[in-house]
């Protein structure tokens, strides 16, 4: 009996169909001698993480119910180079290969698979660097246009209103968690109020000096 294969198909929008991918993958599986365990089809953007069918296929791989996952293209499976690398590492640990219809087989136990993984790791780092640079550039450009980041007066309406109560309770020795539960705010909000108050006091002291 041949290896069991999970066929994964994905389209990005509701006006598209997985029919062609399914036909191609079934034919590919037949040529390779795989036993088709099932076809998983979904409509989801390639960048989204909430892909129910992909999670189902990964669960099958983890439980050892399939030996390979077949896709028409790597873009049908991975959200990014980093995501692809992470799932490949998981699949390797479970002894499952990811095979694209183009003939690329991602088995990280082989020299070819290790080489491809190393290249993808480098590309993933490059993607992260590009993203960080774009974020920094975007922030600098926005600040040059006068955009102010962070909270400004009037935006912390609830926190500002509760500040006197928070400070009184802190002075009474209550913990940030207790205060948060009592006033229906998060512990972090209590911490921010205290930090802001201390910063204002320090600034006032410097001005008086």
Protein backbone atom coordinates (compact mmCIF):
# COMPACT_ATOMS: atom_id res chain seq x y z
CA UNK A 1 0.00 0.00 0.00
CA UNK A 2 1.32 3.45 -0.95
CA UNK A 3 1.77 6.38 1.34
CA UNK A 4 -1.29 8.29 2.47
CA UNK A 5 -1.57 11.79 1.08
CA UNK A 6 -3.65 14.75 2.22
CA UNK A 7 -4.59 17.01 -0.69
CA UNK A 8 -4.82 20.67 0.31
CA UNK A 9 -6.46 23.23 -1.97
CA UNK A 10 -6.99 26.92 -1.31
CA UNK A 11 -8.39 29.92 -3.15
CA UNK A 12 -8.36 33.50 -1.94
CA UNK A 13 -11.87 34.73 -2.77
CA UNK A 14 -15.39 33.31 -2.88
CA UNK A 15 -15.67 33.82 -6.64
CA UNK A 16 -12.85 31.31 -7.17
CA UNK A 17 -13.04 27.52 -7.01
CA UNK A 18 -10.72 24.73 -5.90
CA UNK A 19 -11.97 22.39 -8.65
CA UNK A 20 -8.90 22.70 -10.88
CA UNK A 21 -6.50 22.26 -7.97
CA UNK A 22 -8.38 19.16 -6.82
CA UNK A 23 -8.30 17.57 -10.29
CA UNK A 24 -4.60 18.30 -10.72
CA UNK A 25 -3.67 16.99 -7.28
CA UNK A 26 -5.72 13.81 -7.66
CA UNK A 27 -3.96 13.11 -10.96
CA UNK A 28 -0.59 13.89 -9.38
CA UNK A 29 -1.29 11.56 -6.47
CA UNK A 30 -2.29 8.77 -8.85
CA UNK A 31 0.91 9.15 -10.89
CA UNK A 32 3.00 9.04 -7.71
CA UNK A 33 1.16 6.05 -6.29
CA UNK A 34 -0.21 7.85 -3.23
CA UNK A 35 -3.38 6.76 -1.50
CA UNK A 36 -5.57 9.84 -1.12
CA UNK A 37 -6.68 10.19 2.49
CA UNK A 38 -8.91 13.14 1.64
CA UNK A 39 -9.18 16.53 0.00
CA UNK A 40 -9.28 19.65 2.14
CA UNK A 41 -10.53 22.81 0.43
CA UNK A 42 -10.97 26.30 1.79
CA UNK A 43 -11.39 29.91 0.81
CA UNK A 44 -9.04 32.20 2.71
CA UNK A 45 -6.54 34.94 2.07
CA UNK A 46 -2.97 33.70 1.86
CA UNK A 47 -1.91 36.07 4.63
CA UNK A 48 -4.54 34.98 7.17
CA UNK A 49 -3.75 32.57 9.96
CA UNK A 50 -7.31 31.39 10.62
CA UNK A 51 -7.31 28.59 8.06
CA UNK A 52 -9.42 25.83 9.58
CA UNK A 53 -8.74 23.24 6.86
CA UNK A 54 -4.99 23.74 7.00
CA UNK A 55 -5.07 23.26 10.76
CA UNK A 56 -7.03 20.04 10.20
CA UNK A 57 -4.39 18.76 7.77
CA UNK A 58 -1.61 19.62 10.22
CA UNK A 59 -3.49 17.76 12.96
CA UNK A 60 -3.64 14.67 10.74
CA UNK A 61 0.07 14.98 10.05
CA UNK A 62 0.84 15.28 13.75
CA UNK A 63 -1.24 12.22 14.58
CA UNK A 64 0.53 10.17 11.89
CA UNK A 65 -2.61 9.64 9.79
CA UNK A 66 -0.96 10.95 6.61
CA UNK A 67 2.55 10.62 5.22
CA UNK A 68 2.61 13.51 2.75
CA UNK A 69 0.73 16.73 2.04
CA UNK A 70 0.20 17.64 -1.61
CA UNK A 71 -0.35 21.19 -2.87
CA UNK A 72 -0.38 22.64 -6.37
CA UNK A 73 1.91 25.53 -5.35
CA UNK A 74 3.72 26.51 -2.17
CA UNK A 75 1.74 29.78 -2.11
CA UNK A 76 -1.40 27.68 -1.57
CA UNK A 77 0.09 26.44 1.72
CA UNK A 78 2.43 29.00 3.28
CA UNK A 79 1.44 32.47 4.44
CA UNK A 80 5.04 33.66 4.23
CA UNK A 81 8.55 32.28 4.02
CA UNK A 82 8.74 32.22 7.80
CA UNK A 83 5.39 30.45 8.11
CA UNK A 84 6.46 27.89 5.51
CA UNK A 85 9.70 27.25 7.36
CA UNK A 86 7.91 26.80 10.68
CA UNK A 87 5.41 24.31 9.26
CA UNK A 88 8.19 22.41 7.51
CA UNK A 89 10.02 22.05 10.81
CA UNK A 90 6.82 20.73 12.40
CA UNK A 91 6.25 18.31 9.54
CA UNK A 92 9.82 17.06 9.78
CA UNK A 93 9.33 16.29 13.47
CA UNK A 94 6.21 14.31 12.56
CA UNK A 95 7.87 12.49 9.65
CA UNK A 96 5.61 14.07 7.02
CA UNK A 97 6.69 15.67 3.72
CA UNK A 98 5.17 18.63 1.89
CA UNK A 99 5.19 18.12 -1.87
CA UNK A 100 4.24 20.69 -4.49
CA UNK A 101 2.83 19.61 -7.83
CA UNK A 102 5.82 21.26 -9.49
CA UNK A 103 7.89 18.37 -8.13
CA UNK A 104 9.51 20.19 -5.22
CA UNK A 105 9.61 17.89 -2.21
CA UNK A 106 10.26 19.39 1.18
CA UNK A 107 11.70 16.68 3.37
CA UNK A 108 14.14 18.27 5.81
CA UNK A 109 15.83 14.93 6.46
CA UNK A 110 17.35 14.99 2.93
CA UNK A 111 20.32 17.11 1.77
CA UNK A 112 18.05 18.89 -0.73
CA UNK A 113 15.50 19.64 1.98
CA UNK A 114 18.15 20.97 4.36
CA UNK A 115 19.53 23.25 1.64
CA UNK A 116 16.08 24.61 0.82
CA UNK A 117 15.35 25.13 4.53
CA UNK A 118 18.59 27.09 4.95
CA UNK A 119 17.69 29.28 1.98
CA UNK A 120 14.20 29.87 3.33
CA UNK A 121 15.58 30.81 6.74
CA UNK A 122 17.76 33.44 5.06
CA UNK A 123 14.77 34.72 3.08
CA UNK A 124 12.64 34.83 6.22
CA UNK A 125 15.26 36.97 7.97
CA UNK A 126 15.37 39.23 4.91
CA UNK A 127 11.57 39.57 5.05
CA UNK A 128 11.73 40.50 8.75
CA UNK A 129 14.41 43.11 8.05
CA UNK A 130 12.33 44.60 5.24
CA UNK A 131 9.27 44.73 7.48
CA UNK A 132 11.17 46.44 10.30
CA UNK A 133 12.62 48.96 7.84
CA UNK A 134 9.17 49.68 6.39
CA UNK A 135 7.72 50.20 9.86
CA UNK A 136 10.55 52.56 10.87
CA UNK A 137 10.25 54.45 7.59
CA UNK A 138 6.48 54.72 7.95
CA UNK A 139 6.73 56.05 11.49
CA UNK A 140 9.37 58.61 10.51
CA UNK A 141 7.27 59.75 7.55
CA UNK A 142 4.14 60.05 9.69
CA UNK A 143 5.99 62.01 12.39
CA UNK A 144 7.32 64.38 9.72
CA UNK A 145 3.69 65.04 8.74
CA UNK A 146 2.85 65.87 12.35
CA UNK A 147 1.28 62.58 13.38
CA UNK A 148 1.63 62.03 17.13
CA UNK A 149 1.99 58.46 18.36
CA UNK A 150 0.85 57.20 21.74
CA UNK A 151 -1.92 58.39 24.01
CA UNK A 152 -2.82 62.06 24.09
CA UNK A 153 -4.95 64.06 26.55
CA UNK A 154 -8.60 63.22 26.13
CA UNK A 155 -7.98 59.72 24.76
CA UNK A 156 -7.71 58.02 28.16
CA UNK A 157 -11.14 59.12 29.29
CA UNK A 158 -11.84 56.21 31.64
CA UNK A 159 -8.27 56.00 32.96
CA UNK A 160 -8.08 59.76 33.56
CA UNK A 161 -11.41 59.71 35.37
CA UNK A 162 -10.32 56.86 37.62
CA UNK A 163 -6.83 58.20 38.30
CA UNK A 164 -7.62 59.79 41.70
CA UNK A 165 -9.27 56.57 42.94
CA UNK A 166 -6.38 54.47 41.66
CA UNK A 167 -3.81 56.63 43.43
CA UNK A 168 -5.77 56.57 46.69
CA UNK A 169 -6.01 52.79 46.60
CA UNK A 170 -2.31 52.45 45.77
CA UNK A 171 -1.48 54.71 48.71
CA UNK A 172 -3.71 52.50 50.89
CA UNK A 173 -1.50 49.54 50.03
CA UNK A 174 -3.74 47.62 47.63
CA UNK A 175 -2.11 45.66 44.83
CA UNK A 176 -2.49 46.65 41.18
CA UNK A 177 -4.47 43.46 40.54
CA UNK A 178 -6.88 44.16 43.41
CA UNK A 179 -7.37 47.73 42.22
CA UNK A 180 -8.01 46.56 38.68
CA UNK A 181 -10.68 44.10 39.77
CA UNK A 182 -12.31 46.69 42.02
CA UNK A 183 -12.45 49.40 39.33
CA UNK A 184 -13.00 47.05 36.36
CA UNK A 185 -9.78 47.98 34.59
CA UNK A 186 -6.71 45.95 33.74
CA UNK A 187 -3.68 45.64 35.98
CA UNK A 188 -1.62 47.23 33.17
CA UNK A 189 -3.92 50.26 33.14
CA UNK A 190 -3.36 50.69 36.87
CA UNK A 191 0.38 50.44 36.31
CA UNK A 192 0.28 53.04 33.54
CA UNK A 193 -1.68 55.46 35.73
CA UNK A 194 0.86 55.09 38.54
CA UNK A 195 3.84 55.45 36.19
CA UNK A 196 2.33 58.52 34.54
CA UNK A 197 1.63 60.12 37.92
CA UNK A 198 5.17 59.47 39.12
CA UNK A 199 6.60 60.89 35.90
CA UNK A 200 4.50 64.02 36.29
CA UNK A 201 5.62 64.42 39.91
CA UNK A 202 9.27 64.02 38.89
CA UNK A 203 8.85 66.60 36.15
CA UNK A 204 7.24 69.06 38.56
CA UNK A 205 10.07 68.58 41.05
CA UNK A 206 12.67 69.33 38.36
CA UNK A 207 10.84 72.50 37.38
CA UNK A 208 10.72 73.67 41.00
CA UNK A 209 14.48 73.15 41.30
